[in-house]
Protein backbone atom coordinates (compact mmCIF):
# COMPACT_ATOMS: atom_id res chain seq x y z
CA MET A 1 9.36 -10.90 -28.79
CA LEU A 2 6.36 -13.21 -28.82
CA VAL A 3 7.97 -15.40 -31.49
CA LEU A 4 11.18 -15.60 -29.45
CA PHE A 5 9.32 -16.48 -26.25
CA MET A 6 7.35 -19.18 -28.04
CA SER A 7 10.19 -20.75 -30.04
CA LEU A 8 13.51 -20.52 -28.21
CA PRO A 9 14.26 -23.40 -25.78
CA LEU A 10 15.70 -20.83 -23.36
CA PHE A 11 12.18 -19.52 -22.75
CA ASP A 12 10.50 -22.89 -22.25
CA ALA A 13 8.57 -22.28 -19.02
CA THR A 14 8.33 -25.99 -18.17
CA VAL A 15 12.06 -26.62 -17.77
CA TYR A 16 12.62 -24.34 -14.78
CA PRO A 17 11.95 -25.24 -11.12
CA HIS A 18 8.38 -24.83 -9.97
CA GLY A 19 7.06 -23.90 -6.58
CA ASP A 20 4.38 -25.05 -4.19
CA LEU A 21 1.66 -22.38 -4.24
CA PHE A 22 -0.92 -24.21 -2.14
CA SER A 23 0.80 -24.92 1.17
CA GLY A 24 1.11 -21.37 2.47
CA THR A 25 0.66 -17.66 1.93
CA LEU A 26 4.09 -17.39 0.32
CA PRO A 27 5.36 -19.60 -2.51
CA GLN A 28 7.62 -22.39 -1.32
CA GLN A 29 10.14 -24.71 -2.85
CA ASP A 30 8.47 -27.76 -4.35
CA GLY A 31 8.56 -30.69 -1.94
CA GLY A 32 8.69 -33.17 -4.79
CA ASP A 33 5.00 -34.09 -5.19
CA HIS A 34 4.92 -32.99 -8.80
CA ASN A 35 1.41 -32.74 -10.14
CA GLY A 36 1.94 -30.78 -13.32
CA PRO A 37 2.89 -27.15 -13.93
CA MET A 38 0.39 -24.35 -13.77
CA ASP A 39 -0.34 -21.98 -16.58
CA HIS A 40 2.12 -19.38 -15.29
CA GLY A 41 4.81 -21.98 -14.83
CA GLY A 42 4.53 -21.53 -11.10
CA SER A 43 2.73 -24.41 -9.41
CA ARG A 44 2.67 -28.16 -9.55
CA ASN A 45 -0.99 -28.25 -8.63
CA GLY A 46 -3.86 -27.09 -10.78
CA PRO A 47 -6.92 -25.18 -9.62
CA MET A 48 -9.99 -26.98 -8.34
CA ASP A 49 -11.85 -28.78 -11.08
CA HIS A 50 -15.59 -28.51 -11.66
CA ARG A 51 -16.29 -31.35 -9.24
CA GLY A 52 -14.75 -29.45 -6.32
CA GLY A 53 -11.50 -31.36 -5.91
CA PRO A 54 -7.99 -30.40 -6.94
CA HIS A 55 -7.37 -31.20 -10.55
CA ARG A 56 -4.37 -33.46 -10.17
CA THR A 57 -2.17 -33.85 -13.17
CA ASP A 58 0.94 -35.69 -14.14
CA GLY A 59 4.12 -34.08 -15.35
CA SER A 60 2.70 -33.43 -18.77
CA GLY A 61 -0.27 -31.38 -17.57
CA GLU A 62 -2.85 -34.11 -18.28
CA GLY A 63 -5.04 -35.67 -15.63
CA HIS A 64 -4.14 -39.12 -14.34
CA THR A 65 -6.80 -40.48 -16.67
CA GLY A 66 -5.22 -38.68 -19.60
CA LEU A 67 -8.08 -36.17 -19.96
CA MET A 68 -7.86 -32.42 -19.77
CA ASP A 69 -10.18 -30.83 -17.25
CA ASP A 70 -12.59 -29.47 -19.84
CA GLY A 71 -15.91 -30.53 -18.36
CA GLU A 72 -15.91 -34.04 -19.81
CA SER A 73 -16.21 -37.15 -17.69
CA HIS A 74 -12.94 -38.73 -16.61
CA THR A 75 -14.15 -42.04 -17.98
CA ALA A 76 -14.34 -40.47 -21.42
CA SER A 77 -10.56 -40.42 -21.52
CA PHE A 78 -10.55 -44.15 -22.13
CA THR A 79 -12.26 -43.54 -25.47
CA LEU A 80 -9.46 -41.25 -26.63
CA SER A 81 -6.75 -42.61 -28.84
CA PRO A 82 -3.10 -42.06 -27.90
CA ASP A 83 -2.83 -39.52 -30.74
CA GLU A 84 -5.82 -37.57 -29.38
CA ILE A 85 -4.37 -37.54 -25.88
CA GLN A 86 -1.01 -36.37 -27.20
CA ASP A 87 -2.75 -33.65 -29.21
CA ARG A 88 -4.47 -32.39 -26.06
CA ILE A 89 -1.19 -32.39 -24.18
CA GLN A 90 0.44 -30.35 -26.92
CA ARG A 91 -2.45 -27.86 -27.07
CA ARG A 92 -2.36 -27.38 -23.31
CA SER A 93 1.41 -26.92 -23.37
CA TYR A 94 1.06 -24.34 -26.14
CA MET A 95 -1.58 -22.39 -24.18
CA ARG A 96 0.60 -22.46 -21.06
CA GLN A 97 3.63 -21.16 -22.95
CA PHE A 98 1.56 -18.49 -24.72
CA SER A 99 0.16 -17.32 -21.37
CA VAL A 100 3.66 -17.00 -19.89
CA ALA A 101 4.98 -15.22 -22.99
CA THR A 102 2.16 -12.67 -23.20
CA GLY A 103 2.38 -12.04 -19.46
CA TYR A 104 6.01 -11.03 -19.61
CA ILE A 105 5.53 -9.06 -22.81
CA ALA A 106 2.80 -7.13 -21.00
CA LEU A 107 5.25 -6.53 -18.15
CA GLY A 108 7.82 -5.14 -20.57
CA PHE A 109 5.31 -2.79 -22.19
CA LEU A 110 4.04 -1.68 -18.78
CA GLY A 111 7.55 -0.86 -17.62
CA LEU A 112 8.08 1.12 -20.83
CA THR A 113 5.00 3.28 -20.14
CA LEU A 114 6.56 4.24 -16.82
CA LEU A 115 9.88 5.15 -18.44
CA ILE A 116 8.61 7.44 -21.20
CA GLY A 117 8.08 10.39 -18.86
CA PRO A 118 11.53 10.20 -17.21
CA ALA A 119 13.11 9.74 -20.66
CA ASN A 120 11.45 12.96 -21.88
CA LEU A 121 12.77 14.83 -18.86
CA LEU A 122 16.24 13.38 -19.32
CA LEU A 123 16.29 14.37 -23.01
CA ARG A 124 14.75 17.77 -22.18
CA ARG A 125 11.77 17.08 -24.36
CA ARG A 126 8.22 18.25 -23.83
CA ASN A 127 6.40 15.94 -21.41
CA PRO A 128 2.69 16.44 -22.16
CA VAL A 129 -0.22 15.27 -20.01
CA SER A 130 -1.03 12.72 -22.72
CA SER A 131 1.05 11.43 -25.62
CA TYR A 132 0.16 9.06 -28.43
CA LEU A 133 3.32 7.03 -27.84
CA ARG A 134 2.38 6.34 -24.23
CA ARG A 135 -1.18 5.52 -25.24
CA ASP A 136 0.00 3.11 -27.94
CA VAL A 137 2.34 1.31 -25.57
CA GLY A 138 -0.42 1.21 -22.96
CA THR A 139 -2.81 -0.27 -25.50
CA TRP A 140 -0.37 -3.08 -26.28
CA THR A 141 0.06 -3.61 -22.54
CA ALA A 142 -3.69 -4.15 -22.21
CA ILE A 143 -3.88 -6.43 -25.27
CA ALA A 144 -1.03 -8.64 -24.02
CA SER A 145 -2.52 -8.67 -20.50
CA VAL A 146 -5.95 -9.80 -21.69
CA ALA A 147 -4.36 -12.51 -23.88
CA HIS A 148 -2.30 -13.65 -20.87
CA VAL A 149 -5.43 -14.05 -18.74
CA ILE A 150 -7.52 -15.77 -21.43
CA PHE A 151 -4.88 -18.36 -22.24
CA GLY A 152 -4.00 -18.81 -18.58
CA LEU A 153 -7.59 -19.66 -17.69
CA GLN A 154 -7.83 -22.06 -20.62
CA VAL A 155 -4.92 -24.15 -19.35
CA HIS A 156 -7.00 -25.75 -16.61
CA GLY A 157 -10.48 -24.38 -17.19
CA GLY A 158 -13.25 -25.97 -19.20
CA GLY A 159 -15.01 -22.79 -20.25
CA GLN A 160 -17.58 -22.84 -17.43
CA ILE A 161 -18.17 -20.11 -14.85
CA SER A 162 -17.23 -22.54 -12.08
CA ASP A 163 -13.87 -23.15 -13.72
CA PHE A 164 -13.13 -19.41 -13.55
CA LEU A 165 -14.34 -19.10 -9.95
CA ASN A 166 -12.16 -21.99 -8.82
CA TYR A 167 -9.13 -19.81 -9.38
CA PHE A 168 -10.37 -17.48 -6.65
CA VAL A 169 -12.82 -19.34 -4.40
CA THR A 170 -12.35 -22.57 -2.44
CA PRO A 171 -14.94 -25.40 -2.56
CA ASN A 172 -16.22 -24.09 0.80
CA GLY A 173 -17.06 -20.72 -0.71
CA GLY A 174 -14.24 -18.70 0.86
CA PRO A 175 -11.46 -16.94 -1.03
CA TRP A 176 -8.16 -18.68 -1.68
CA LEU A 177 -5.67 -17.06 0.71
CA ASN A 178 -2.66 -19.16 -0.17
CA SER A 179 -0.01 -18.10 -2.66
CA PHE A 180 -2.10 -19.48 -5.53
CA GLY A 181 -5.14 -17.43 -4.50
CA LEU A 182 -3.22 -14.25 -3.78
CA GLY A 183 -1.53 -14.55 -7.16
CA ASN A 184 -4.91 -14.80 -8.85
CA TRP A 185 -6.50 -11.98 -6.84
CA THR A 186 -3.62 -9.60 -7.58
CA GLY A 187 -3.82 -10.64 -11.22
CA LEU A 188 -7.55 -9.91 -11.30
CA ALA A 189 -7.05 -6.48 -9.75
CA ALA A 190 -4.32 -5.74 -12.31
CA LEU A 191 -6.63 -6.81 -15.13
CA VAL A 192 -9.41 -4.47 -13.93
CA ILE A 193 -6.99 -1.54 -13.78
CA VAL A 194 -5.38 -2.15 -17.18
CA VAL A 195 -8.77 -2.50 -18.91
CA GLY A 196 -9.99 0.65 -17.15
CA LEU A 197 -6.92 2.59 -18.24
CA LEU A 198 -7.42 1.34 -21.79
CA ALA A 199 -11.00 2.63 -21.75
CA LEU A 200 -9.72 6.07 -20.65
CA SER A 201 -6.93 6.27 -23.22
CA SER A 202 -8.70 8.42 -25.78
CA ASP A 203 -9.08 12.07 -26.69
CA ALA A 204 -12.78 11.83 -25.87
CA ALA A 205 -12.09 10.65 -22.32
CA LEU A 206 -9.47 13.37 -21.86
CA ARG A 207 -11.93 16.07 -22.98
CA LYS A 208 -14.70 14.65 -20.79
CA LEU A 209 -12.67 14.33 -17.61
CA LYS A 210 -10.31 17.33 -18.13
CA ALA A 211 -6.55 17.13 -17.77
CA ARG A 212 -6.04 17.00 -13.99
CA PRO A 213 -8.63 14.28 -13.12
CA TRP A 214 -7.64 12.28 -16.20
CA LYS A 215 -3.98 12.39 -15.23
CA SER A 216 -4.81 11.34 -11.67
CA LEU A 217 -6.60 8.25 -12.95
CA GLN A 218 -3.71 7.44 -15.27
CA ARG A 219 -1.42 7.35 -12.24
CA LEU A 220 -3.09 4.05 -11.38
CA ASN A 221 -0.37 2.76 -13.68
CA TYR A 222 1.94 2.73 -10.66
CA ALA A 223 -0.48 0.56 -8.69
CA LEU A 224 -0.83 -1.65 -11.76
CA PHE A 225 2.92 -2.21 -11.92
CA ALA A 226 3.04 -3.10 -8.20
CA LEU A 227 0.17 -5.59 -8.62
CA VAL A 228 1.88 -7.23 -11.59
CA ILE A 229 5.08 -7.68 -9.59
CA LEU A 230 3.10 -9.17 -6.68
CA HIS A 231 1.26 -11.44 -9.12
CA ALA A 232 4.57 -12.80 -10.44
CA PHE A 233 5.95 -13.12 -6.89
CA PHE A 234 2.98 -15.14 -5.61
CA TYR A 235 3.31 -17.40 -8.65
CA GLY A 236 6.83 -18.25 -7.52
CA ALA A 237 8.94 -16.13 -9.86
CA LEU A 238 11.68 -15.70 -7.25
CA LEU A 239 11.94 -19.48 -6.88
CA ARG A 240 13.18 -19.71 -10.47
CA VAL A 241 16.33 -17.61 -10.32
CA THR A 242 17.81 -19.31 -13.40
CA SER A 243 14.81 -18.45 -15.56
CA PRO A 244 15.17 -15.63 -18.12
CA PHE A 245 11.63 -14.62 -17.21
CA THR A 246 12.72 -13.92 -13.63
CA LEU A 247 15.70 -11.97 -14.98
CA LEU A 248 13.30 -9.88 -17.07
CA LEU A 249 11.16 -9.30 -14.00
CA GLY A 250 14.14 -8.10 -11.98
CA LEU A 251 15.44 -5.86 -14.75
CA SER A 252 11.98 -4.32 -15.18
CA VAL A 253 11.73 -3.49 -11.48
CA ILE A 254 15.23 -1.96 -11.42
CA ALA A 255 14.67 0.04 -14.62
CA VAL A 256 11.35 1.46 -13.44
CA PHE A 257 12.67 2.28 -9.96
CA VAL A 258 15.78 4.01 -11.31
CA GLY A 259 13.84 5.75 -14.08
CA GLN A 260 11.24 7.11 -11.70
CA ALA A 261 13.90 8.25 -9.21
CA VAL A 262 15.77 10.08 -11.96
CA GLY A 263 12.52 11.57 -13.24
CA VAL A 264 11.56 12.90 -9.81
CA TRP A 265 15.04 14.36 -9.32
CA LEU A 266 14.97 16.07 -12.75
CA TRP A 267 11.48 17.41 -12.18
CA ARG A 268 12.40 18.84 -8.77
CA ARG A 269 15.56 20.39 -10.17
CA THR A 270 13.63 21.99 -13.03
CA TYR A 271 10.90 23.18 -10.68
CA SER A 272 13.39 24.70 -8.21
CA SER A 273 15.34 26.46 -10.97
CA THR A 274 12.19 28.14 -12.36
CA THR A 275 10.69 29.13 -9.02
CA GLY A 276 13.75 29.51 -6.84
CA LYS A 277 12.34 26.97 -4.38
CA TYR A 278 13.52 23.60 -3.17
């Protein structure tokens, strides 16, 4: 899937319409002031650079001076050869595409973890508290999620702490409360949960916590899925209805919703038939 996302023109994140994430709480249609796509393929404005101002870019993702926002002086761009500038553009484009690809692969794996239980009920198979299949899929969810975040931050960041903070905090010290900020805050919350679930996905953790508390913590997977959907929404996924990524998002939501509904119905039917209760 990663190879397909990275190589097929259909999955090129830069060719689909982008939204304005900075003008309001909800993503809006782009007004035409194109300043370069964001790492998720969702905004035409980059995060604040290390000098406190918006990192304005042209359509290729480079700054107006031709320099990536990597902590170097803007005047240094004049010392770069055209080949060096083009190489930086290509590297940044690759990181952006890799971030999008790993993000949606993580979404697919996450949806699969929520469908394993209903599938077991539907096939009348044993549905244990913990299964190695679910753990393995969850592990790949976490790996893809971490890769998505790392490459996403590298698109506009220069490797400094301030570059990371500018995704969440305005130059005045307050949190970003526009669509861009809410997308990043929901993404951060999702990252904390997926890493926490990964840390708990072991036999040692299950023995330490016991089955019932361990299972309760694992149900944070539902909150994780909701946060991921909100993260994609705030990054303007619904503004790109022709994108295959948005189609994958919609299919994932439908599959999980239907799967969980069927799972609850099967569980209640099994429970009522064994106890005589409704």
